[in-house]
Protein backbone atom coordinates (compact mmCIF):
# COMPACT_ATOMS: atom_id res chain seq x y z
CA MET A 1 -120.97 103.34 -103.72
CA ASN A 2 -122.71 101.66 -100.90
CA THR A 3 -125.77 102.85 -99.19
CA GLN A 4 -125.70 104.51 -95.97
CA CYS A 5 -126.44 102.44 -92.42
CA ASN A 6 -129.30 104.68 -91.21
CA ALA A 7 -132.31 104.24 -89.07
CA GLY A 8 -134.62 104.73 -92.14
CA LYS A 9 -134.37 104.85 -95.76
CA THR A 10 -133.11 107.73 -97.66
CA ALA A 11 -134.61 108.25 -101.62
CA LEU A 12 -134.55 110.37 -104.18
CA VAL A 13 -136.98 111.63 -106.85
CA ILE A 14 -136.00 112.05 -109.72
CA GLY A 15 -138.75 114.21 -112.01
CA GLY A 16 -138.69 114.44 -115.70
CA GLY A 17 -138.10 117.59 -118.44
CA ALA A 18 -135.68 116.93 -121.27
CA PRO A 19 -134.07 120.26 -122.57
CA ASN A 20 -133.17 120.93 -118.83
CA SER A 21 -132.09 117.82 -118.54
CA THR A 22 -128.38 118.86 -117.41
CA LEU A 23 -129.11 120.95 -114.58
CA ILE A 24 -129.93 116.92 -112.55
CA ALA A 25 -127.00 115.40 -114.40
CA GLY A 26 -125.11 117.97 -112.59
CA ALA A 27 -126.78 117.30 -109.18
CA LEU A 28 -125.96 113.93 -109.25
CA ALA A 29 -122.31 114.45 -110.33
CA ALA A 30 -121.85 116.59 -107.62
CA PHE A 31 -123.67 113.83 -104.82
CA LEU A 32 -121.52 111.73 -106.50
CA GLU A 33 -118.63 113.44 -105.01
CA GLU A 34 -119.32 114.35 -101.79
CA GLY A 35 -120.56 110.61 -101.03
CA ILE A 36 -124.25 111.52 -100.74
CA SER A 37 -126.09 107.75 -101.48
CA PHE A 38 -129.48 106.49 -101.66
CA ASP A 39 -131.39 103.86 -100.69
CA VAL A 40 -134.15 103.70 -102.79
CA ILE A 41 -134.75 105.91 -106.38
CA SER A 42 -138.05 106.60 -108.21
CA ALA A 43 -137.79 108.57 -111.54
CA SER A 44 -140.01 109.32 -114.35
CA GLY A 45 -139.66 111.24 -117.74
CA ALA A 46 -136.51 112.52 -118.74
CA GLY A 47 -135.63 112.13 -115.41
CA VAL A 48 -135.24 107.98 -115.60
CA VAL A 49 -132.24 108.36 -117.55
CA MET A 50 -130.79 110.22 -115.32
CA GLY A 51 -131.32 108.20 -112.85
CA LEU A 52 -129.85 105.14 -114.94
CA LEU A 53 -126.97 106.92 -115.99
CA TYR A 54 -126.36 107.62 -112.25
CA THR A 55 -126.76 103.64 -111.65
CA ALA A 56 -126.13 102.08 -114.21
CA PRO A 57 -124.16 103.26 -117.41
CA LYS A 58 -123.13 101.42 -119.71
CA ASN A 59 -119.90 103.78 -120.63
CA GLY A 60 -116.96 104.30 -117.77
CA THR A 61 -118.05 105.53 -114.43
CA PRO A 62 -121.53 106.98 -113.17
CA GLY A 63 -119.90 110.12 -113.15
CA GLU A 64 -118.12 110.65 -116.29
CA ALA A 65 -121.40 109.01 -117.99
CA LEU A 66 -123.86 112.26 -116.38
CA ARG A 67 -121.20 114.59 -117.40
CA ARG A 68 -121.05 113.39 -121.12
CA TRP A 69 -124.62 113.72 -121.00
CA ALA A 70 -124.15 117.71 -121.49
CA ASP A 71 -122.33 116.99 -124.72
CA VAL A 72 -125.66 115.48 -126.41
CA GLY A 73 -126.52 119.17 -126.85
CA VAL A 74 -126.03 120.59 -130.57
CA ALA A 75 -123.11 123.09 -131.51
CA ASP A 76 -124.31 126.58 -130.73
CA SER A 77 -123.28 127.88 -134.84
CA ILE A 78 -125.87 125.06 -135.81
CA TYR A 79 -128.69 125.78 -133.55
CA SER A 80 -129.09 129.16 -134.02
CA MET A 81 -130.16 127.89 -137.41
CA PHE A 82 -131.97 124.63 -136.31
CA PRO A 83 -132.80 124.50 -133.73
CA VAL A 84 -133.53 120.84 -133.41
CA ASN A 85 -131.91 118.26 -131.16
CA TYR A 86 -131.31 115.69 -134.25
CA LYS A 87 -128.66 113.64 -132.03
CA ILE A 88 -131.56 112.84 -129.72
CA PHE A 89 -134.79 112.89 -131.81
CA LYS A 90 -134.68 110.41 -134.58
CA GLN A 91 -136.62 109.42 -137.67
CA PRO A 92 -138.80 107.01 -137.35
CA GLY A 93 -139.36 103.39 -138.82
CA ILE A 94 -137.75 100.50 -140.04
CA LYS A 95 -135.89 102.19 -143.09
CA ALA A 96 -134.36 105.35 -140.40
CA GLN A 97 -133.08 102.15 -138.21
CA SER A 98 -131.40 100.20 -141.62
CA TYR A 99 -130.07 103.57 -142.08
CA ARG A 100 -128.64 104.49 -138.69
CA ASP A 101 -127.15 100.35 -138.90
CA SER A 102 -125.80 100.92 -141.31
CA MET A 103 -124.13 104.21 -140.82
CA GLN A 104 -122.93 102.46 -137.04
CA ALA A 105 -121.14 99.81 -139.23
CA MET A 106 -119.16 102.15 -141.36
CA ALA A 107 -118.15 105.16 -139.21
CA GLY A 108 -119.27 104.12 -135.46
CA ASN A 109 -122.40 104.89 -133.98
CA PRO A 110 -122.97 109.16 -134.26
CA PHE A 111 -124.57 109.61 -130.83
CA LEU A 112 -121.87 107.49 -129.21
CA ASN A 113 -119.34 109.93 -131.04
CA ALA A 114 -121.57 112.78 -129.19
CA PHE A 115 -121.74 111.08 -125.90
CA THR A 116 -118.16 110.50 -125.77
CA LYS A 117 -116.22 113.73 -125.31
CA GLN A 118 -112.70 113.36 -127.03
CA PHE A 119 -112.22 116.65 -129.66
CA SER A 120 -111.65 119.86 -129.43
CA ASP A 121 -114.50 122.55 -129.93
CA ALA A 122 -113.63 122.93 -133.59
CA THR A 123 -113.74 119.13 -134.05
CA GLU A 124 -117.18 119.04 -132.18
CA ALA A 125 -118.80 122.11 -134.61
CA TRP A 126 -117.92 119.73 -137.43
CA SER A 127 -119.19 116.33 -135.76
CA ASP A 128 -122.17 117.88 -135.37
CA TRP A 129 -122.53 119.34 -138.88
CA SER A 130 -121.56 115.99 -140.18
CA ASN A 131 -124.11 114.52 -137.65
CA LEU A 132 -126.87 116.80 -138.91
CA MET A 133 -126.54 116.36 -142.76
CA MET A 134 -126.57 111.92 -141.89
CA SER A 135 -130.04 112.79 -139.59
CA ALA A 136 -131.18 115.00 -142.70
CA LEU A 137 -130.04 112.20 -145.51
CA SER A 138 -132.37 109.35 -143.42
CA PRO A 139 -135.12 107.70 -144.39
CA SER A 140 -138.51 107.84 -142.55
CA ASP A 141 -141.46 106.17 -142.35
CA LEU A 142 -143.09 109.43 -141.41
CA SER A 143 -146.71 109.80 -142.68
CA ALA A 144 -149.98 111.07 -141.13
CA LYS A 145 -151.16 107.69 -139.67
CA SER A 146 -148.03 107.87 -137.67
CA LEU A 147 -148.38 107.79 -134.21
CA GLY A 148 -145.56 109.79 -133.20
CA LEU A 149 -142.97 112.30 -134.67
CA CYS A 150 -139.58 110.05 -133.83
CA ALA A 151 -137.81 106.69 -133.15
CA HIS A 152 -138.01 105.54 -129.58
CA LEU A 153 -134.60 106.15 -128.25
CA PRO A 154 -132.59 103.96 -130.82
CA PHE A 155 -129.62 105.17 -128.53
CA ILE A 156 -130.52 103.92 -124.94
CA GLU A 157 -128.68 100.47 -125.05
CA GLN A 158 -125.42 101.95 -126.02
CA ALA A 159 -125.92 104.46 -123.01
CA ILE A 160 -127.07 102.18 -120.16
CA ASP A 161 -126.11 99.03 -119.18
CA PHE A 162 -129.59 96.88 -118.26
CA ASP A 163 -127.36 93.79 -117.46
CA VAL A 164 -126.61 95.27 -114.23
CA ILE A 165 -129.51 97.16 -113.31
CA ALA A 166 -131.78 94.00 -111.48
CA ALA A 167 -128.54 93.50 -109.33
CA MET A 168 -127.54 97.13 -108.55
CA GLY A 169 -127.75 98.24 -104.47
CA PRO A 170 -130.89 100.85 -104.43
CA ALA A 171 -134.48 99.77 -105.14
CA PHE A 172 -135.51 101.96 -108.45
CA TYR A 173 -138.89 103.26 -110.01
CA ILE A 174 -139.69 104.14 -113.28
CA ASN A 175 -143.80 105.26 -114.19
CA ALA A 176 -145.44 104.51 -117.10
CA PHE A 177 -149.25 105.12 -118.15
CA ASN A 178 -151.22 102.42 -119.13
CA VAL A 179 -153.47 103.63 -122.24
CA ASN A 180 -155.41 100.61 -122.24
CA GLN A 181 -156.19 100.18 -118.32
CA GLY A 182 -156.38 104.15 -117.38
CA ARG A 183 -153.75 104.00 -114.84
CA MET A 184 -149.98 104.52 -113.80
CA GLN A 185 -147.77 101.63 -113.95
CA ILE A 186 -145.26 101.41 -111.90
CA TRP A 187 -142.11 98.79 -112.75
CA GLY A 188 -138.74 98.29 -110.40
CA LYS A 189 -135.82 97.48 -110.80
CA HIS A 190 -136.04 93.38 -111.44
CA GLU A 191 -138.36 94.72 -114.38
CA ILE A 192 -136.84 97.24 -116.06
CA THR A 193 -135.84 96.49 -119.68
CA ALA A 194 -134.68 99.13 -122.76
CA ARG A 195 -138.69 98.82 -123.73
CA HIS A 196 -139.94 99.77 -120.74
CA VAL A 197 -137.97 103.00 -120.37
CA ARG A 198 -138.19 103.53 -123.72
CA ALA A 199 -142.34 103.27 -122.60
CA ALA A 200 -141.36 105.73 -119.70
CA LEU A 201 -140.69 108.08 -122.25
CA SER A 202 -143.01 107.73 -124.84
CA PHE A 203 -144.02 111.14 -124.58
CA PRO A 204 -147.79 111.87 -126.50
CA PHE A 205 -146.72 113.48 -130.13
CA LEU A 206 -143.24 113.29 -129.60
CA TYR A 207 -142.99 109.50 -129.51
CA PRO A 208 -146.08 106.41 -130.36
CA PRO A 209 -146.61 104.79 -127.03
CA THR A 210 -144.70 101.94 -126.35
CA GLU A 211 -146.55 98.98 -126.67
CA ILE A 212 -145.17 95.93 -123.78
CA ASP A 213 -147.39 92.50 -123.18
CA GLY A 214 -150.59 93.92 -125.25
CA ASN A 215 -150.93 97.10 -123.54
CA ASP A 216 -149.75 100.42 -124.76
CA TYR A 217 -147.88 102.61 -122.88
CA ILE A 218 -146.92 106.84 -122.81
CA GLU A 219 -145.12 108.58 -120.67
CA GLY A 220 -145.48 108.82 -116.86
CA ALA A 221 -144.22 112.34 -116.67
CA ALA A 222 -147.07 113.88 -119.00
CA LEU A 223 -149.26 112.74 -115.97
CA GLU A 224 -147.23 112.30 -112.60
CA THR A 225 -144.31 114.83 -112.93
CA LEU A 226 -143.21 113.28 -109.43
CA ASN A 227 -143.03 109.49 -109.17
CA PHE A 228 -144.02 109.57 -105.57
CA LYS A 229 -146.04 106.52 -106.05
CA PRO A 230 -143.38 103.83 -104.31
CA PHE A 231 -144.33 105.99 -101.14
CA ILE A 232 -147.90 106.36 -101.40
CA GLY A 233 -150.00 103.16 -99.51
CA ALA A 234 -153.53 102.87 -101.35
CA PRO A 235 -156.06 99.72 -101.59
CA ASP A 236 -155.08 99.04 -104.84
CA ASN A 237 -151.23 99.92 -104.61
CA PRO A 238 -149.44 99.35 -101.31
CA ALA A 239 -146.93 100.54 -100.13
CA LEU A 240 -143.54 99.84 -101.47
CA GLU A 241 -141.05 101.89 -99.65
CA ASN A 242 -142.95 102.57 -96.53
CA ASP A 243 -140.19 102.79 -94.18
CA VAL A 244 -138.23 105.60 -95.56
CA THR A 245 -137.82 108.66 -93.51
CA THR A 246 -135.93 111.44 -96.17
CA ILE A 247 -136.72 112.05 -99.44
CA VAL A 248 -134.65 114.37 -101.91
CA VAL A 249 -136.19 115.64 -104.81
CA LEU A 250 -134.41 116.89 -108.04
CA ASP A 251 -137.32 118.66 -109.61
CA ILE A 252 -136.56 120.86 -112.87
CA LEU A 253 -140.91 121.83 -114.41
CA GLY A 254 -142.11 122.83 -111.41
CA GLU A 255 -140.83 126.71 -111.60
CA GLU A 256 -142.91 129.09 -112.83
CA ARG A 257 -139.92 131.21 -114.48
CA LEU A 258 -140.26 128.73 -117.46
CA ILE A 259 -143.45 130.13 -118.24
CA ARG A 260 -142.53 132.61 -120.39
CA LYS A 261 -143.24 134.80 -123.90
CA PRO A 262 -141.62 132.52 -126.61
CA ARG A 263 -139.20 133.36 -128.67
CA ASP A 264 -140.48 131.72 -131.93
CA LEU A 265 -142.73 129.13 -133.22
CA TYR A 266 -141.05 126.35 -132.25
CA ASP A 267 -140.09 127.85 -129.11
CA ALA A 268 -143.88 128.08 -128.48
CA TRP A 269 -143.99 124.34 -129.60
CA THR A 270 -141.53 123.81 -126.87
CA ARG A 271 -143.14 125.52 -124.43
CA SER A 272 -146.72 124.49 -124.61
CA ILE A 273 -145.36 121.09 -123.97
CA ILE A 274 -143.74 122.69 -120.37
CA THR A 275 -146.21 125.40 -119.65
CA PRO A 276 -148.77 122.58 -118.33
CA LEU A 277 -146.37 120.20 -116.81
CA VAL A 278 -144.94 123.49 -114.78
CA GLN A 279 -148.31 123.96 -112.15
CA MET A 280 -148.43 120.15 -112.51
CA SER A 281 -144.99 119.84 -110.94
CA LYS A 282 -145.77 122.28 -108.16
CA SER A 283 -149.03 120.49 -107.09
CA GLU A 284 -147.80 117.44 -106.97
CA LEU A 285 -145.73 118.08 -104.45
CA ARG A 286 -147.26 119.89 -102.39
CA LEU A 287 -150.23 117.01 -102.53
CA PHE A 288 -148.09 114.65 -101.65
CA GLU A 289 -146.42 116.64 -98.54
CA LEU A 290 -150.05 117.37 -97.51
CA GLU A 291 -152.03 114.35 -97.93
CA HIS A 292 -149.36 111.60 -97.63
CA ASN A 293 -146.82 113.07 -95.89
CA THR A 294 -148.59 114.90 -92.92
CA ASP A 295 -149.41 112.67 -89.57
CA PRO A 296 -153.20 113.48 -89.33
CA LEU A 297 -152.94 113.80 -85.61
CA SER A 298 -149.84 115.87 -84.82
CA GLY A 299 -149.78 117.55 -88.45
CA LYS A 300 -146.15 116.72 -88.75
CA PRO A 301 -144.19 115.66 -91.26
CA LEU A 302 -143.89 112.09 -91.37
CA ARG A 303 -140.82 112.25 -93.46
CA ARG A 304 -138.09 114.89 -94.18
CA MET A 305 -138.49 116.22 -97.52
CA LEU A 306 -136.03 117.98 -98.81
CA LYS A 307 -135.52 119.87 -102.56
CA VAL A 308 -132.60 120.81 -104.41
CA ASP A 309 -133.18 124.56 -105.78
CA LEU A 310 -131.59 123.65 -109.56
CA MET A 311 -132.64 126.72 -110.55
CA ALA A 312 -131.53 129.28 -108.15
CA GLU A 313 -128.34 130.42 -110.15
CA VAL A 314 -129.76 130.76 -113.46
CA PRO A 315 -128.54 134.30 -114.94
CA SER A 316 -131.86 136.33 -114.96
CA ASP A 317 -131.28 136.96 -119.34
CA HIS A 318 -130.53 133.01 -119.43
CA TRP A 319 -134.11 132.36 -118.74
CA PRO A 320 -135.41 132.23 -122.67
CA GLN A 321 -132.60 130.10 -123.31
CA ILE A 322 -132.97 127.62 -120.46
CA LEU A 323 -134.88 124.93 -122.75
CA ASP A 324 -132.35 125.15 -125.41
CA TRP A 325 -131.21 122.11 -127.09
CA SER A 326 -127.65 124.34 -127.24
CA ALA A 327 -124.07 123.26 -126.46
CA SER A 328 -123.57 126.45 -124.73
CA ASN A 329 -126.70 126.03 -122.67
CA MET A 330 -126.11 122.30 -121.54
CA GLN A 331 -123.32 122.81 -120.12
CA LEU A 332 -124.18 125.79 -117.76
CA LEU A 333 -127.00 124.04 -116.66
CA PHE A 334 -125.04 121.27 -116.13
CA ASP A 335 -122.32 123.76 -114.12
CA LEU A 336 -125.40 125.45 -112.51
CA GLY A 337 -126.67 122.01 -111.27
CA TYR A 338 -123.40 120.63 -110.34
CA ARG A 339 -122.93 123.39 -108.05
CA ALA A 340 -126.73 123.35 -106.90
CA GLY A 341 -125.74 119.63 -105.92
CA ARG A 342 -122.71 120.36 -104.22
CA ASP A 343 -124.51 123.15 -101.71
CA PHE A 344 -126.68 121.55 -101.07
CA CYS A 345 -124.37 118.28 -100.04
CA ARG A 346 -122.34 121.02 -98.04
CA ARG A 347 -125.88 122.03 -96.34
CA ASP A 348 -128.56 119.41 -96.04
CA GLY A 349 -126.61 116.23 -96.45
CA GLY A 350 -125.94 114.95 -92.84
CA GLY A 351 -127.24 111.34 -92.93
CA LEU A 352 -126.85 110.74 -96.39
CA THR A 353 -123.02 110.32 -96.88
CA GLY A 354 -122.14 106.52 -97.89
CA SER A 355 -118.89 105.71 -99.84
CA THR A 356 -117.16 108.27 -101.68
CA ASP A 357 -115.98 105.57 -104.57
CA ASP A 358 -117.38 106.78 -108.40
CA THR A 359 -118.47 103.30 -109.59
CA PRO A 360 -121.56 101.74 -110.64
CA LEU A 361 -123.94 101.49 -108.52
CA ALA A 362 -124.58 97.49 -108.91
CA ALA A 363 -123.69 95.30 -106.17
């Protein structure tokens, strides 16, 4: 895919949010099919993984990688009894990593098997049961002194081709919060490694902080769900992309219907993470539009801001399940995101259309 030739640059902002991230994956798959492209991509939290599957997947084309993301959901027959995504959240520690390495050597990588849709529905359910058994048998170093529950995304190198990120077409920015210095850190595509991605997804309690060059980092989306920093000029943060004229926003957190009564204790814990992020995401978008995207003299927007309504078609009776890691929910949300992305492209995609090929975005 090549970037389009416009008077100004176009940018895509991909927000955080993990369980319902297939909404974003579906929208990005639609962008590919409709020939939409961007000069700049800025991502935070789980949006970092979605953005890198869209630009630098390890296996297959971006469209294939995004569709495979929906397959990391857990078979409904298992999820109804054990509502945890053991495919994504792995046991921490050196012993657990050695165990995973040995399992990979003997039978192939469990995540890669889940990420590569090759089986019938019945076989997939059996594969998920097998993965559950392997996860349950995994040793763990988790203790009261641990700084997080899970291992830092041990599968990421198998999903993302880090060798092509620096050379890919669009500029790409991710964020993480530097705990030692008390400030948000932005990394561009020439700096991004697997360790930087792990830092960008080190959500407190779920993962320990990630150490880079003597500094500890936590997930940027825990504090700024939408990474607008590359478009904001400040004395300590010169505008990195000050010639962007259109910004498209993919946000799956700024929706008040995510705040609702939990179904059980586990759902209450999940919503305790999501609930404060809902208002944060809404406030960040409003603040950026008012303070950084409005001409103080004319009151007119400095850039065209377009938000894709990813949740418009979520059925009213499905909202209690929208944060589930179940296979059916993840596939439903992918389909809804795809339709929302397609409709957006056909309604508001004028000036964003580039090449329609479905190859990695590396130059």
